[in-house]
Amino acid sequence: MNRKIRSSNEIDMKCYLHIGTEKTATKTIQSFLHLNREKLLKYGTIFTKSAGTHNNIKLPLAAYNLTRRDELTRIYGINSPKTRQTNRQKLIRKLKNEINNLHGESVLFSSEHIQSRLITLKEIRRLKSILNELGIEDITIIIYLRKPADLANSLYSTAVKYGSLDDSPPPPSQKYFQNICNHRRTLRKFQSVFRNSTIIPRLFIFNELKGGSILTDFCETCGLPWQTDFIIPENQNESLSILGIEILRRINKQLPYIINGKLNKQRLKIVHYIQEKYSDQKYIMPENIYQQYYSEFQKSNQWVRKTYFPDRNTLFPLSNIPEETRTDLPSEKIDEIANELITRGDG
């Protein structure tokens, strides 16, 4: 294996940094990487455990500003500047040891939270600094881009799972949705920080993925040879139907997502049950909101097309706005189902 030793504790190696975006089969990719961790190492690629066994979420968390607070810092117990600094240094030490002991030719990190949570240039610079401190200079960034309206539709379904009471997706000006859907802004931010790195945007369009699969597309993009003995994870699709969303919105009013800084286990079990039972008819948001997202990000998509996909006529295929899904079940019946699930507690 061709690796240049920088010092006794640092190794100069290739890094593939998969940063998202959310709702582009990131969980499927991460499950695949986890299941095939040992096989990947045989081909010289390290998928670390220190940054998180599936989602390498500890890497973006380590890049947070010291005073930043959100539900992730509460869940991981790193709300104070002192614990945040200690956590960062601990992660760097563990990653150095793991990477050095595994003797790979490249290291691969995957977390959609890199794109969705590191929203300031200062935090993205800190991420780069952490990678450099590990002895990593040769970095290729991989990001999957999805049609903004479809992203918003799927993001809303996820937001309800995490406690949202909103009747429908927020307007595209909403900060979180704006950050994830504005692909031009994302690419420009990472370009400005990782100036000497390669950024590879891939379009999350199923019939255009290499090999017809997100997994074969991802492996080829990372330079990983596809093997017939790779373990393929089960379908990670977690979309909710309109009925599932209506039930869960009612439950959200009574069962919070986090209690005393910890995940509400009762609620997690109920969400899991609803995902299994009420996911047959995918939720589709109202037509007027769909149109808002199309209009809001038209210029952004055009910039991405000209910059990275000049041979395409449009960044994403043109299609009719899908018809909004509705439920015929009376509101009283939906209330009854929600209350029954809360009473049962575990779905």
Foldseek 3Di string as FASTA:
>chain_A
DDWDDPDPQAIEAEEEEEQEAPPLCLQQQLVLCLQCQVVQLVVQEHEDPLCPSRASVNLLLLLDDLCDDDLVCLAVVRNHSVSSPVSNVVSLVVVSVVCVVSRGRYYYHGHNCNQQPQQDLSSLLSSVVSCVSNVYLAYEYEYEAEQLLVVQLQVVQVVLLQQDLDPFGDACVPDRSVSSNLVLSSVVSNCVNSVVYHYHYHYSDQVPAVVSDPNVSVCVVVVHDDDPPRDRDDDPDQFFAPLLSLLSSLLSVPDHQDDSSHGDVLSVLLSVVRSVPGRPHGAAGAPVRSVSSCVVRQVSQVVCCVVPPVVDPGSDDDDDRDHGDDDPDDSVVSNVVSVVSVVVSRD
